[in-house]
Amino acid sequence: MKYMESQMKRLVKSNKELQKRLKELMNEHDLEKNYALKALYHSEVASGGKYQAAYRELDLPKA
């Protein structure tokens, strides 16, 4: 699975918990949004993370 910023933005936009976590990462570590998104991807999505299935669903072609 590959990190795609646009896909990650869509996932965060559709999930209140991820929005909150993104803001926390930005504040705690003084990160810009694009870096915080990447950190969120690695902590919550990649390698069997809690949101991996939802992220993969965004990659599927729409019927």
Protein backbone atom coordinates (compact mmCIF):
# COMPACT_ATOMS: atom_id res chain seq x y z
CA MET A 1 0.00 0.00 0.00
CA LYS A 2 1.34 3.39 -0.99
CA TYR A 3 0.81 6.77 0.67
CA MET A 4 -1.20 9.15 -1.47
CA GLU A 5 -1.81 12.58 0.00
CA SER A 6 -5.11 13.14 -1.83
CA GLN A 7 -6.47 9.82 -0.61
CA MET A 8 -5.34 10.51 2.94
CA LYS A 9 -7.04 13.93 2.86
CA ARG A 10 -10.31 12.29 1.76
CA LEU A 11 -10.06 9.72 4.57
CA VAL A 12 -9.44 12.40 7.20
CA LYS A 13 -12.22 14.60 5.83
CA SER A 14 -14.70 11.74 6.24
CA ASN A 15 -13.67 10.80 9.79
CA LYS A 16 -14.04 13.09 12.83
CA GLU A 17 -11.65 11.00 14.94
CA LEU A 18 -8.89 11.32 12.33
CA GLN A 19 -9.52 15.07 12.05
CA LYS A 20 -9.01 15.40 15.79
CA ARG A 21 -5.87 13.23 15.70
CA LEU A 22 -4.45 15.29 12.80
CA LYS A 23 -4.87 18.53 14.75
CA GLU A 24 -3.28 16.94 17.81
CA LEU A 25 -0.25 15.84 15.77
CA MET A 26 0.11 19.29 14.24
CA ASN A 27 0.00 20.97 17.66
CA GLU A 28 2.05 18.45 19.63
CA HIS A 29 4.89 18.24 17.14
CA ASP A 30 4.58 21.64 15.47
CA LEU A 31 4.08 20.01 12.06
CA GLU A 32 2.72 21.44 8.84
CA LYS A 33 -0.45 19.73 7.63
CA ASN A 34 1.21 17.68 4.87
CA TYR A 35 3.80 16.24 7.30
CA ALA A 36 1.14 15.56 9.92
CA LEU A 37 -0.94 13.73 7.30
CA LYS A 38 2.00 11.50 6.47
CA ALA A 39 2.65 10.80 10.15
CA LEU A 40 -1.03 10.00 10.65
CA TYR A 41 -0.91 7.61 7.69
CA HIS A 42 2.02 5.72 9.17
CA SER A 43 0.53 5.56 12.66
CA GLU A 44 -3.14 4.84 11.88
CA VAL A 45 -3.32 3.36 8.36
CA ALA A 46 -0.16 1.59 7.18
CA SER A 47 0.85 -1.89 8.33
CA GLY A 48 -2.52 -3.08 9.57
CA GLY A 49 -3.58 0.16 11.21
CA LYS A 50 -7.11 0.81 12.41
CA TYR A 51 -8.08 2.70 9.24
CA GLN A 52 -6.30 0.55 6.64
CA ALA A 53 -9.52 -0.95 5.23
CA ALA A 54 -11.18 2.46 4.89
CA TYR A 55 -8.09 3.82 3.13
CA ARG A 56 -8.05 0.90 0.68
CA GLU A 57 -11.75 1.39 -0.07
CA LEU A 58 -10.96 4.90 -1.30
CA ASP A 59 -8.59 3.36 -3.84
CA LEU A 60 -11.21 1.06 -5.37
CA PRO A 61 -12.78 2.15 -8.68
CA LYS A 62 -16.29 3.50 -8.33
CA ALA A 63 -19.01 1.35 -9.92
